[in-house]
C-alpha atoms as a PDB file:
ATOM      1  CA  MET A   1      11.418 -29.255 -30.318  1.00  0.00           C
ATOM      2  CA  LYS A   2       9.199 -26.986 -32.364  1.00  0.00           C
ATOM      3  CA  PRO A   3       5.405 -26.757 -32.293  1.00  0.00           C
ATOM      4  CA  ALA A   4       3.218 -28.618 -34.766  1.00  0.00           C
ATOM      5  CA  PRO A   5       1.905 -26.487 -37.659  1.00  0.00           C
ATOM      6  CA  PHE A   6      -0.944 -24.117 -36.787  1.00  0.00           C
ATOM      7  CA  SER A   7      -2.825 -21.141 -38.216  1.00  0.00           C
ATOM      8  CA  TYR A   8      -2.241 -17.786 -36.544  1.00  0.00           C
ATOM      9  CA  HIS A   9      -5.001 -15.212 -35.950  1.00  0.00           C
ATOM     10  CA  ARG A  10      -4.676 -11.742 -34.395  1.00  0.00           C
ATOM     11  CA  PRO A  11      -8.013 -10.094 -33.519  1.00  0.00           C
ATOM     12  CA  GLU A  12      -8.044  -6.448 -32.457  1.00  0.00           C
ATOM     13  CA  THR A  13     -11.327  -6.460 -30.523  1.00  0.00           C
ATOM     14  CA  VAL A  14     -13.038  -8.794 -28.082  1.00  0.00           C
ATOM     15  CA  ALA A  15     -15.879  -9.236 -30.565  1.00  0.00           C
ATOM     16  CA  GLU A  16     -13.433 -10.428 -33.227  1.00  0.00           C
ATOM     17  CA  ALA A  17     -11.765 -12.799 -30.765  1.00  0.00           C
ATOM     18  CA  VAL A  18     -14.963 -14.504 -29.606  1.00  0.00           C
ATOM     19  CA  ALA A  19     -16.174 -14.762 -33.209  1.00  0.00           C
ATOM     20  CA  MET A  20     -12.970 -16.600 -34.089  1.00  0.00           C
ATOM     21  CA  LEU A  21     -13.352 -18.934 -31.121  1.00  0.00           C
ATOM     22  CA  SER A  22     -16.910 -19.648 -32.236  1.00  0.00           C
ATOM     23  CA  ASN A  23     -15.951 -20.452 -35.829  1.00  0.00           C
ATOM     24  CA  LEU A  24     -12.548 -22.133 -35.520  1.00  0.00           C
ATOM     25  CA  GLU A  25     -12.107 -25.769 -34.573  1.00  0.00           C
ATOM     26  CA  ASP A  26      -9.438 -26.636 -32.003  1.00  0.00           C
ATOM     27  CA  ALA A  27      -8.345 -23.072 -31.225  1.00  0.00           C
ATOM     28  CA  LYS A  28      -6.227 -21.902 -28.294  1.00  0.00           C
ATOM     29  CA  ILE A  29      -5.895 -18.395 -26.872  1.00  0.00           C
ATOM     30  CA  LEU A  30      -2.403 -16.890 -26.764  1.00  0.00           C
ATOM     31  CA  ALA A  31      -2.002 -14.391 -23.916  1.00  0.00           C
ATOM     32  CA  GLY A  32       1.455 -14.128 -22.346  1.00  0.00           C
ATOM     33  CA  GLY A  33       2.471 -17.460 -23.839  1.00  0.00           C
ATOM     34  CA  GLN A  34       4.649 -18.415 -20.874  1.00  0.00           C
ATOM     35  CA  SER A  35       2.960 -21.800 -20.512  1.00  0.00           C
ATOM     36  CA  LEU A  36       1.242 -22.332 -23.854  1.00  0.00           C
ATOM     37  CA  MET A  37       4.341 -21.991 -26.037  1.00  0.00           C
ATOM     38  CA  ALA A  38       6.354 -24.389 -23.896  1.00  0.00           C
ATOM     39  CA  MET A  39       3.556 -26.956 -24.022  1.00  0.00           C
ATOM     40  CA  MET A  40       3.318 -26.567 -27.790  1.00  0.00           C
ATOM     41  CA  ASN A  41       7.076 -26.900 -28.219  1.00  0.00           C
ATOM     42  CA  PHE A  42       6.973 -30.188 -26.306  1.00  0.00           C
ATOM     43  CA  ARG A  43       3.982 -31.274 -28.430  1.00  0.00           C
ATOM     44  CA  TYR A  44       1.919 -31.631 -25.282  1.00  0.00           C
ATOM     45  CA  LEU A  45      -0.572 -29.406 -27.111  1.00  0.00           C
ATOM     46  CA  ALA A  46      -1.010 -29.205 -30.869  1.00  0.00           C
ATOM     47  CA  PRO A  47      -3.894 -26.808 -31.608  1.00  0.00           C
ATOM     48  CA  ASP A  48      -4.927 -26.147 -35.187  1.00  0.00           C
ATOM     49  CA  HIS A  49      -5.422 -22.431 -34.525  1.00  0.00           C
ATOM     50  CA  ILE A  50      -3.818 -19.821 -32.261  1.00  0.00           C
ATOM     51  CA  VAL A  51      -5.851 -16.707 -31.448  1.00  0.00           C
ATOM     52  CA  ASP A  52      -3.450 -14.003 -30.231  1.00  0.00           C
ATOM     53  CA  ILE A  53      -5.281 -11.482 -28.003  1.00  0.00           C
ATOM     54  CA  ASN A  54      -2.241  -9.298 -27.273  1.00  0.00           C
ATOM     55  CA  ARG A  55      -3.486  -6.475 -29.536  1.00  0.00           C
ATOM     56  CA  ILE A  56      -6.803  -5.935 -27.697  1.00  0.00           C
ATOM     57  CA  PRO A  57      -6.226  -2.858 -25.496  1.00  0.00           C
ATOM     58  CA  GLU A  58      -9.408  -3.170 -23.422  1.00  0.00           C
ATOM     59  CA  LEU A  59      -8.174  -6.503 -22.050  1.00  0.00           C
ATOM     60  CA  ALA A  60      -5.099  -4.891 -20.475  1.00  0.00           C
ATOM     61  CA  GLU A  61      -6.896  -2.582 -18.035  1.00  0.00           C
ATOM     62  CA  ILE A  62      -6.242  -2.273 -14.305  1.00  0.00           C
ATOM     63  CA  ARG A  63      -9.034  -0.084 -12.989  1.00  0.00           C
ATOM     64  CA  ASP A  64     -10.318   1.080  -9.609  1.00  0.00           C
ATOM     65  CA  VAL A  65     -14.091   0.517  -9.608  1.00  0.00           C
ATOM     66  CA  GLY A  66     -14.958   1.703  -6.107  1.00  0.00           C
ATOM     67  CA  ASP A  67     -14.917  -1.216  -3.709  1.00  0.00           C
ATOM     68  CA  SER A  68     -13.082  -3.473  -6.189  1.00  0.00           C
ATOM     69  CA  ILE A  69     -10.288  -3.569  -8.754  1.00  0.00           C
ATOM     70  CA  ARG A  70     -11.114  -4.634 -12.299  1.00  0.00           C
ATOM     71  CA  PHE A  71      -8.320  -6.511 -14.071  1.00  0.00           C
ATOM     72  CA  GLY A  72      -8.388  -7.152 -17.775  1.00  0.00           C
ATOM     73  CA  ALA A  73      -7.359 -10.706 -18.541  1.00  0.00           C
ATOM     74  CA  MET A  74      -4.341  -9.389 -20.469  1.00  0.00           C
ATOM     75  CA  ALA A  75      -3.038  -7.249 -17.597  1.00  0.00           C
ATOM     76  CA  ARG A  76       0.654  -8.147 -17.403  1.00  0.00           C
ATOM     77  CA  GLN A  77       1.864  -9.364 -14.052  1.00  0.00           C
ATOM     78  CA  ARG A  78       4.615  -6.739 -14.098  1.00  0.00           C
ATOM     79  CA  ASP A  79       2.053  -3.973 -14.744  1.00  0.00           C
ATOM     80  CA  VAL A  80      -0.100  -5.269 -11.888  1.00  0.00           C
ATOM     81  CA  ALA A  81       2.900  -5.230  -9.541  1.00  0.00           C
ATOM     82  CA  ASP A  82       3.737  -1.659 -10.616  1.00  0.00           C
ATOM     83  CA  SER A  83       0.148  -0.417 -10.327  1.00  0.00           C
ATOM     84  CA  ALA A  84      -0.333   2.241  -7.640  1.00  0.00           C
ATOM     85  CA  VAL A  85      -3.955   1.141  -7.254  1.00  0.00           C
ATOM     86  CA  VAL A  86      -2.989  -2.476  -6.569  1.00  0.00           C
ATOM     87  CA  GLN A  87      -0.138  -1.482  -4.269  1.00  0.00           C
ATOM     88  CA  ALA A  88      -2.469   0.665  -2.174  1.00  0.00           C
ATOM     89  CA  ARG A  89      -5.549  -1.540  -2.133  1.00  0.00           C
ATOM     90  CA  CYS A  90      -4.391  -5.128  -2.672  1.00  0.00           C
ATOM     91  CA  PRO A  91      -0.917  -5.633  -1.173  1.00  0.00           C
ATOM     92  CA  LEU A  92      -1.510  -9.401  -0.992  1.00  0.00           C
ATOM     93  CA  MET A  93      -1.279  -9.543  -4.776  1.00  0.00           C
ATOM     94  CA  ILE A  94       1.979  -7.597  -4.773  1.00  0.00           C
ATOM     95  CA  GLU A  95       3.522 -10.010  -2.273  1.00  0.00           C
ATOM     96  CA  ALA A  96       2.379 -13.024  -4.292  1.00  0.00           C
ATOM     97  CA  LEU A  97       3.646 -11.631  -7.593  1.00  0.00           C
ATOM     98  CA  GLU A  98       7.144 -11.308  -6.143  1.00  0.00           C
ATOM     99  CA  GLN A  99       7.198 -15.113  -6.064  1.00  0.00           C
ATOM    100  CA  VAL A 100       5.883 -15.710  -9.586  1.00  0.00           C
ATOM    101  CA  GLY A 101       8.682 -16.935 -11.806  1.00  0.00           C
ATOM    102  CA  HIS A 102      11.288 -14.260 -12.614  1.00  0.00           C
ATOM    103  CA  ILE A 103      11.219 -10.729 -14.017  1.00  0.00           C
ATOM    104  CA  GLN A 104      11.171 -12.045 -17.581  1.00  0.00           C
ATOM    105  CA  THR A 105       8.221 -14.275 -16.742  1.00  0.00           C
ATOM    106  CA  ARG A 106       6.242 -11.453 -15.162  1.00  0.00           C
ATOM    107  CA  ASN A 107       7.007  -9.080 -18.041  1.00  0.00           C
ATOM    108  CA  ARG A 108       5.003 -11.316 -20.377  1.00  0.00           C
ATOM    109  CA  GLY A 109       2.758 -13.334 -18.081  1.00  0.00           C
ATOM    110  CA  THR A 110      -0.829 -12.165 -17.554  1.00  0.00           C
ATOM    111  CA  VAL A 111      -3.286 -12.583 -14.696  1.00  0.00           C
ATOM    112  CA  GLY A 112      -5.891 -14.034 -17.052  1.00  0.00           C
ATOM    113  CA  GLY A 113      -3.376 -16.436 -18.522  1.00  0.00           C
ATOM    114  CA  SER A 114      -2.482 -17.764 -15.083  1.00  0.00           C
ATOM    115  CA  LEU A 115      -6.144 -18.279 -14.210  1.00  0.00           C
ATOM    116  CA  SER A 116      -6.920 -19.932 -17.547  1.00  0.00           C
ATOM    117  CA  HIS A 117      -3.880 -22.210 -17.474  1.00  0.00           C
ATOM    118  CA  LEU A 118      -4.773 -23.062 -13.867  1.00  0.00           C
ATOM    119  CA  ASP A 119      -1.595 -24.778 -12.786  1.00  0.00           C
ATOM    120  CA  PRO A 120      -2.315 -26.321  -9.349  1.00  0.00           C
ATOM    121  CA  SER A 121       0.715 -24.552  -7.851  1.00  0.00           C
ATOM    122  CA  ALA A 122       0.194 -21.105  -9.393  1.00  0.00           C
ATOM    123  CA  GLU A 123       0.030 -18.104  -7.080  1.00  0.00           C
ATOM    124  CA  MET A 124      -2.626 -15.976  -8.794  1.00  0.00           C
ATOM    125  CA  PRO A 125      -5.544 -18.428  -8.461  1.00  0.00           C
ATOM    126  CA  ALA A 126      -4.956 -18.611  -4.692  1.00  0.00           C
ATOM    127  CA  VAL A 127      -4.821 -14.817  -4.388  1.00  0.00           C
ATOM    128  CA  PHE A 128      -8.057 -14.376  -6.328  1.00  0.00           C
ATOM    129  CA  SER A 129      -9.625 -17.146  -4.249  1.00  0.00           C
ATOM    130  CA  ALA A 130      -8.797 -15.311  -1.017  1.00  0.00           C
ATOM    131  CA  LEU A 131     -10.291 -12.146  -2.534  1.00  0.00           C
ATOM    132  CA  ASP A 132     -13.531 -13.912  -3.589  1.00  0.00           C
ATOM    133  CA  ALA A 133     -13.007 -12.655  -7.129  1.00  0.00           C
ATOM    134  CA  VAL A 134     -15.529 -12.896  -9.942  1.00  0.00           C
ATOM    135  CA  LEU A 135     -14.367 -13.856 -13.437  1.00  0.00           C
ATOM    136  CA  HIS A 136     -16.015 -12.359 -16.514  1.00  0.00           C
ATOM    137  CA  VAL A 137     -16.270 -14.681 -19.493  1.00  0.00           C
ATOM    138  CA  GLY A 138     -17.530 -13.869 -22.971  1.00  0.00           C
ATOM    139  CA  SER A 139     -18.488 -15.724 -26.124  1.00  0.00           C
ATOM    140  CA  ALA A 140     -20.526 -15.159 -29.272  1.00  0.00           C
ATOM    141  CA  ARG A 141     -23.431 -16.700 -27.300  1.00  0.00           C
ATOM    142  CA  GLY A 142     -23.254 -14.080 -24.533  1.00  0.00           C
ATOM    143  CA  ASP A 143     -21.432 -13.230 -21.310  1.00  0.00           C
ATOM    144  CA  ARG A 144     -21.402 -14.876 -17.908  1.00  0.00           C
ATOM    145  CA  ASP A 145     -19.839 -14.211 -14.515  1.00  0.00           C
ATOM    146  CA  ILE A 146     -18.206 -17.043 -12.580  1.00  0.00           C
ATOM    147  CA  ALA A 147     -17.270 -17.017  -8.900  1.00  0.00           C
ATOM    148  CA  ILE A 148     -13.669 -18.049  -8.321  1.00  0.00           C
ATOM    149  CA  SER A 149     -14.961 -20.913  -6.169  1.00  0.00           C
ATOM    150  CA  ASP A 150     -16.593 -22.378  -9.299  1.00  0.00           C
ATOM    151  CA  TRP A 151     -13.649 -21.768 -11.620  1.00  0.00           C
ATOM    152  CA  SER A 152     -11.674 -25.013 -11.266  1.00  0.00           C
ATOM    153  CA  LEU A 153     -13.333 -28.135 -12.684  1.00  0.00           C
ATOM    154  CA  GLY A 154     -10.304 -30.379 -12.249  1.00  0.00           C
ATOM    155  CA  TYR A 155      -6.617 -30.596 -13.094  1.00  0.00           C
ATOM    156  CA  MET A 156      -5.830 -27.611 -15.356  1.00  0.00           C
ATOM    157  CA  MET A 157      -9.519 -27.465 -16.330  1.00  0.00           C
ATOM    158  CA  PRO A 158     -10.981 -23.958 -15.908  1.00  0.00           C
ATOM    159  CA  ASN A 159     -14.727 -23.416 -16.172  1.00  0.00           C
ATOM    160  CA  LEU A 160     -14.419 -22.284 -19.796  1.00  0.00           C
ATOM    161  CA  GLU A 161     -16.152 -23.637 -22.886  1.00  0.00           C
ATOM    162  CA  PRO A 162     -14.012 -23.966 -26.053  1.00  0.00           C
ATOM    163  CA  ASP A 163     -15.682 -20.885 -27.582  1.00  0.00           C
ATOM    164  CA  GLU A 164     -15.312 -18.711 -24.460  1.00  0.00           C
ATOM    165  CA  LEU A 165     -12.745 -16.059 -23.573  1.00  0.00           C
ATOM    166  CA  LEU A 166     -11.813 -14.901 -20.084  1.00  0.00           C
ATOM    167  CA  ALA A 167     -12.118 -11.132 -20.499  1.00  0.00           C
ATOM    168  CA  GLY A 168     -11.592  -9.821 -16.978  1.00  0.00           C
ATOM    169  CA  ILE A 169     -11.607 -10.340 -13.241  1.00  0.00           C
ATOM    170  CA  THR A 170     -13.183  -8.223 -10.512  1.00  0.00           C
ATOM    171  CA  ALA A 171     -11.448  -8.511  -7.139  1.00  0.00           C
ATOM    172  CA  PRO A 172     -13.162  -6.940  -4.089  1.00  0.00           C
ATOM    173  CA  CYS A 173     -10.782  -4.851  -1.983  1.00  0.00           C
ATOM    174  CA  TRP A 174     -10.334  -5.234   1.755  1.00  0.00           C
ATOM    175  CA  PRO A 175     -10.293  -2.103   3.965  1.00  0.00           C
ATOM    176  CA  VAL A 176      -7.139  -0.021   4.289  1.00  0.00           C
ATOM    177  CA  GLY A 177      -4.937  -1.342   7.085  1.00  0.00           C
ATOM    178  CA  HIS A 178      -5.994  -4.981   6.801  1.00  0.00           C
ATOM    179  CA  GLY A 179      -3.525  -7.754   7.489  1.00  0.00           C
ATOM    180  CA  TYR A 180      -2.236  -9.902   4.654  1.00  0.00           C
ATOM    181  CA  ALA A 181       0.441 -12.484   3.861  1.00  0.00           C
ATOM    182  CA  PHE A 182       1.431 -14.750   0.992  1.00  0.00           C
ATOM    183  CA  LEU A 183       4.013 -17.396   1.828  1.00  0.00           C
ATOM    184  CA  GLU A 184       5.068 -20.434  -0.153  1.00  0.00           C
ATOM    185  CA  MET A 185       7.643 -23.210  -0.219  1.00  0.00           C
ATOM    186  CA  ALA A 186       9.468 -23.721  -3.513  1.00  0.00           C
ATOM    187  CA  ARG A 187      12.703 -25.574  -4.184  1.00  0.00           C
ATOM    188  CA  ARG A 188      14.195 -22.493  -5.815  1.00  0.00           C
ATOM    189  CA  HIS A 189      12.971 -18.942  -6.198  1.00  0.00           C
ATOM    190  CA  GLY A 190      10.824 -18.806  -9.307  1.00  0.00           C
ATOM    191  CA  ASP A 191       9.789 -22.461  -9.188  1.00  0.00           C
ATOM    192  CA  PHE A 192       6.164 -23.398  -8.737  1.00  0.00           C
ATOM    193  CA  ALA A 193       5.225 -23.781  -5.092  1.00  0.00           C
ATOM    194  CA  LEU A 194       5.081 -27.167  -3.412  1.00  0.00           C
ATOM    195  CA  ALA A 195       2.562 -25.499  -1.112  1.00  0.00           C
ATOM    196  CA  GLY A 196       1.611 -21.943  -0.237  1.00  0.00           C
ATOM    197  CA  ALA A 197      -0.905 -19.928   1.740  1.00  0.00           C
ATOM    198  CA  ALA A 198      -2.636 -16.588   1.162  1.00  0.00           C
ATOM    199  CA  VAL A 199      -4.238 -14.906   4.187  1.00  0.00           C
ATOM    200  CA  LEU A 200      -6.315 -11.745   4.602  1.00  0.00           C
ATOM    201  CA  MET A 201      -7.403 -10.521   8.043  1.00  0.00           C
ATOM    202  CA  THR A 202      -9.167  -7.630   9.758  1.00  0.00           C
ATOM    203  CA  LEU A 203      -9.515  -6.987  13.496  1.00  0.00           C
ATOM    204  CA  ASP A 204     -12.410  -5.408  15.339  1.00  0.00           C
ATOM    205  CA  GLY A 205     -12.126  -2.649  17.950  1.00  0.00           C
ATOM    206  CA  GLY A 206     -11.373  -5.153  20.691  1.00  0.00           C
ATOM    207  CA  GLY A 207      -8.575  -6.848  18.762  1.00  0.00           C
ATOM    208  CA  ASP A 208     -10.567  -9.981  17.871  1.00  0.00           C
ATOM    209  CA  ILE A 209     -10.572 -11.351  14.338  1.00  0.00           C
ATOM    210  CA  GLU A 210     -13.453  -9.712  12.514  1.00  0.00           C
ATOM    211  CA  ARG A 211     -12.919 -11.181   9.057  1.00  0.00           C
ATOM    212  CA  ILE A 212     -10.526 -13.763   7.669  1.00  0.00           C
ATOM    213  CA  ALA A 213      -9.775 -15.488   4.362  1.00  0.00           C
ATOM    214  CA  ILE A 214      -7.325 -18.369   3.911  1.00  0.00           C
ATOM    215  CA  ALA A 215      -6.528 -19.860   0.490  1.00  0.00           C
ATOM    216  CA  LEU A 216      -3.961 -22.531  -0.358  1.00  0.00           C
ATOM    217  CA  THR A 217      -2.059 -23.365  -3.515  1.00  0.00           C
ATOM    218  CA  GLY A 218      -0.086 -26.447  -4.502  1.00  0.00           C
ATOM    219  CA  VAL A 219      -2.276 -28.871  -2.565  1.00  0.00           C
ATOM    220  CA  ASP A 220      -5.146 -29.674  -4.936  1.00  0.00           C
ATOM    221  CA  THR A 221      -6.136 -29.315  -8.583  1.00  0.00           C
ATOM    222  CA  GLY A 222      -7.233 -25.735  -7.880  1.00  0.00           C
ATOM    223  CA  PRO A 223      -6.996 -23.190  -5.072  1.00  0.00           C
ATOM    224  CA  VAL A 224      -8.484 -24.327  -1.757  1.00  0.00           C
ATOM    225  CA  ARG A 225     -10.255 -22.099   0.760  1.00  0.00           C
ATOM    226  CA  LEU A 226      -9.993 -23.246   4.366  1.00  0.00           C
ATOM    227  CA  ARG A 227     -13.562 -22.314   5.273  1.00  0.00           C
ATOM    228  CA  GLU A 228     -13.567 -24.426   8.417  1.00  0.00           C
ATOM    229  CA  ALA A 229     -10.510 -22.635   9.773  1.00  0.00           C
ATOM    230  CA  GLU A 230     -11.996 -19.246   8.877  1.00  0.00           C
ATOM    231  CA  ALA A 231     -15.184 -20.047  10.805  1.00  0.00           C
ATOM    232  CA  VAL A 232     -13.183 -21.040  13.875  1.00  0.00           C
ATOM    233  CA  LEU A 233     -11.103 -17.848  13.814  1.00  0.00           C
ATOM    234  CA  VAL A 234     -13.843 -15.246  13.447  1.00  0.00           C
ATOM    235  CA  GLY A 235     -14.557 -13.591  16.796  1.00  0.00           C
ATOM    236  CA  ARG A 236     -11.514 -15.113  18.482  1.00  0.00           C
ATOM    237  CA  LYS A 237      -8.561 -13.354  20.096  1.00  0.00           C
ATOM    238  CA  PRO A 238      -5.538 -14.152  17.922  1.00  0.00           C
ATOM    239  CA  ASP A 239      -2.461 -15.869  19.340  1.00  0.00           C
ATOM    240  CA  GLU A 240       0.102 -18.384  18.151  1.00  0.00           C
ATOM    241  CA  ALA A 241      -1.619 -21.313  19.882  1.00  0.00           C
ATOM    242  CA  LEU A 242      -4.871 -20.563  18.072  1.00  0.00           C
ATOM    243  CA  PHE A 243      -3.101 -20.238  14.736  1.00  0.00           C
ATOM    244  CA  ALA A 244      -1.325 -23.570  15.259  1.00  0.00           C
ATOM    245  CA  GLU A 245      -4.627 -25.211  16.139  1.00  0.00           C
ATOM    246  CA  VAL A 246      -6.606 -24.014  13.140  1.00  0.00           C
ATOM    247  CA  ALA A 247      -3.703 -24.540  10.721  1.00  0.00           C
ATOM    248  CA  LYS A 248      -4.130 -28.279  11.292  1.00  0.00           C
ATOM    249  CA  THR A 249      -7.290 -28.129   9.180  1.00  0.00           C
ATOM    250  CA  ALA A 250      -4.941 -27.928   6.191  1.00  0.00           C
ATOM    251  CA  GLU A 251      -4.177 -31.614   6.776  1.00  0.00           C
ATOM    252  CA  SER A 252      -7.553 -32.392   5.207  1.00  0.00           C
ATOM    253  CA  VAL A 253      -6.644 -31.083   1.746  1.00  0.00           C
ATOM    254  CA  ALA A 254      -6.492 -33.627  -1.047  1.00  0.00           C
ATOM    255  CA  GLY A 255      -2.772 -33.212  -1.632  1.00  0.00           C
ATOM    256  CA  ILE A 256      -0.968 -33.647  -4.948  1.00  0.00           C
ATOM    257  CA  ASP A 257       1.350 -36.623  -5.363  1.00  0.00           C
ATOM    258  CA  ASP A 258       3.979 -36.103  -8.086  1.00  0.00           C
ATOM    259  CA  VAL A 259       7.704 -36.238  -8.807  1.00  0.00           C
ATOM    260  CA  HIS A 260       8.292 -33.010  -6.872  1.00  0.00           C
ATOM    261  CA  ALA A 261       6.729 -33.957  -3.543  1.00  0.00           C
ATOM    262  CA  SER A 262       4.490 -36.554  -1.977  1.00  0.00           C
ATOM    263  CA  ARG A 263       0.894 -35.911  -0.986  1.00  0.00           C
ATOM    264  CA  ASP A 264       1.718 -36.189   2.725  1.00  0.00           C
ATOM    265  CA  TYR A 265       4.651 -33.792   2.456  1.00  0.00           C
ATOM    266  CA  ARG A 266       2.503 -31.166   0.727  1.00  0.00           C
ATOM    267  CA  ARG A 267      -0.106 -31.525   3.462  1.00  0.00           C
ATOM    268  CA  ARG A 268       2.518 -30.966   6.141  1.00  0.00           C
ATOM    269  CA  LEU A 269       3.796 -27.923   4.271  1.00  0.00           C
ATOM    270  CA  ALA A 270       0.244 -26.592   4.016  1.00  0.00           C
ATOM    271  CA  VAL A 271      -0.121 -26.735   7.800  1.00  0.00           C
ATOM    272  CA  VAL A 272       3.202 -24.986   8.398  1.00  0.00           C
ATOM    273  CA  TYR A 273       2.658 -22.232   5.826  1.00  0.00           C
ATOM    274  CA  THR A 274      -0.921 -21.632   6.916  1.00  0.00           C
ATOM    275  CA  ARG A 275       0.288 -21.028  10.465  1.00  0.00           C
ATOM    276  CA  ARG A 276       3.105 -18.755   9.319  1.00  0.00           C
ATOM    277  CA  ALA A 277       0.840 -16.763   7.002  1.00  0.00           C
ATOM    278  CA  LEU A 278      -1.716 -16.298   9.782  1.00  0.00           C
ATOM    279  CA  SER A 279       0.991 -14.953  12.091  1.00  0.00           C
ATOM    280  CA  ALA A 280       2.345 -12.583   9.436  1.00  0.00           C
ATOM    281  CA  ALA A 281      -1.124 -11.309   8.513  1.00  0.00           C
ATOM    282  CA  TYR A 282      -1.953 -10.729  12.169  1.00  0.00           C
ATOM    283  CA  ALA A 283       1.216  -8.697  12.694  1.00  0.00           C
ATOM    284  CA  ARG A 284       0.295  -6.478   9.752  1.00  0.00           C
ATOM    285  CA  ALA A 285      -3.316  -6.164  10.958  1.00  0.00           C
ATOM    286  CA  LEU A 286      -1.984  -4.876  14.292  1.00  0.00           C
ATOM    287  CA  GLN A 287       0.161  -2.345  12.447  1.00  0.00           C
ATOM    288  CA  GLY A 288      -2.855  -1.274  10.429  1.00  0.00           C
ATOM    289  CA  LYS A 289      -4.910  -0.756  13.577  1.00  0.00           C
ATOM    290  CA  ALA A 290      -2.082   1.275  15.096  1.00  0.00           C
END
């Protein structure tokens, strides 16, 4: 099928883009287009206006800002994966990006597009959740910062007003040598995950867990942090029995029930992949300490 008729707009600055969003009725942002164009072709969406932000250079930045990395919303997933800054300071994101679609998808797909589309099984929202990222949103009315924990309002419903644009994301970096892992279960490589887990971990001088973050994808309408499991792990000596014990907290997630997998199956996968990601992150944390 082909999309319904629409008017096309191509701003060259953020100010132009937010002005268009403020003045146009029923407008959609075009970033990478990997999801939007397919939905329009199937007539799942039929916006009256498309605002193409691909020509706004400031939205494509990937910048080291001290203790964090600043991503422009239009940073291509391929550019993020190739970034020396991200490779050195946020290896979790590199590991997750390897499982996002295929090369062609990542060449066009953007980090901001993934967050704004907010597919329940997308990898990037879970990674940014584990990193406690802050999203920077702008409109003609002004700017606001949104914690990733407040980003999802429901199924594919980001915390964005119709006249707002996601301009960038700030992701705090963990110390050099930290442990990390991103593991997911998909039917085929490149498919959306049925369930997945992102883990970050640091150890103290005695080998106990000093800091931990666990985020899941594919199990709810947005990324889920396992705060209860994190609280149990901090200050504990890691071992496989402990990881198996705390991974059971993933059974409490809401679970998504659809044609791809049942709610109960996704919950079981969440437990398994949480345990595996904890083990993998711990092994890397030990290497970092060494």
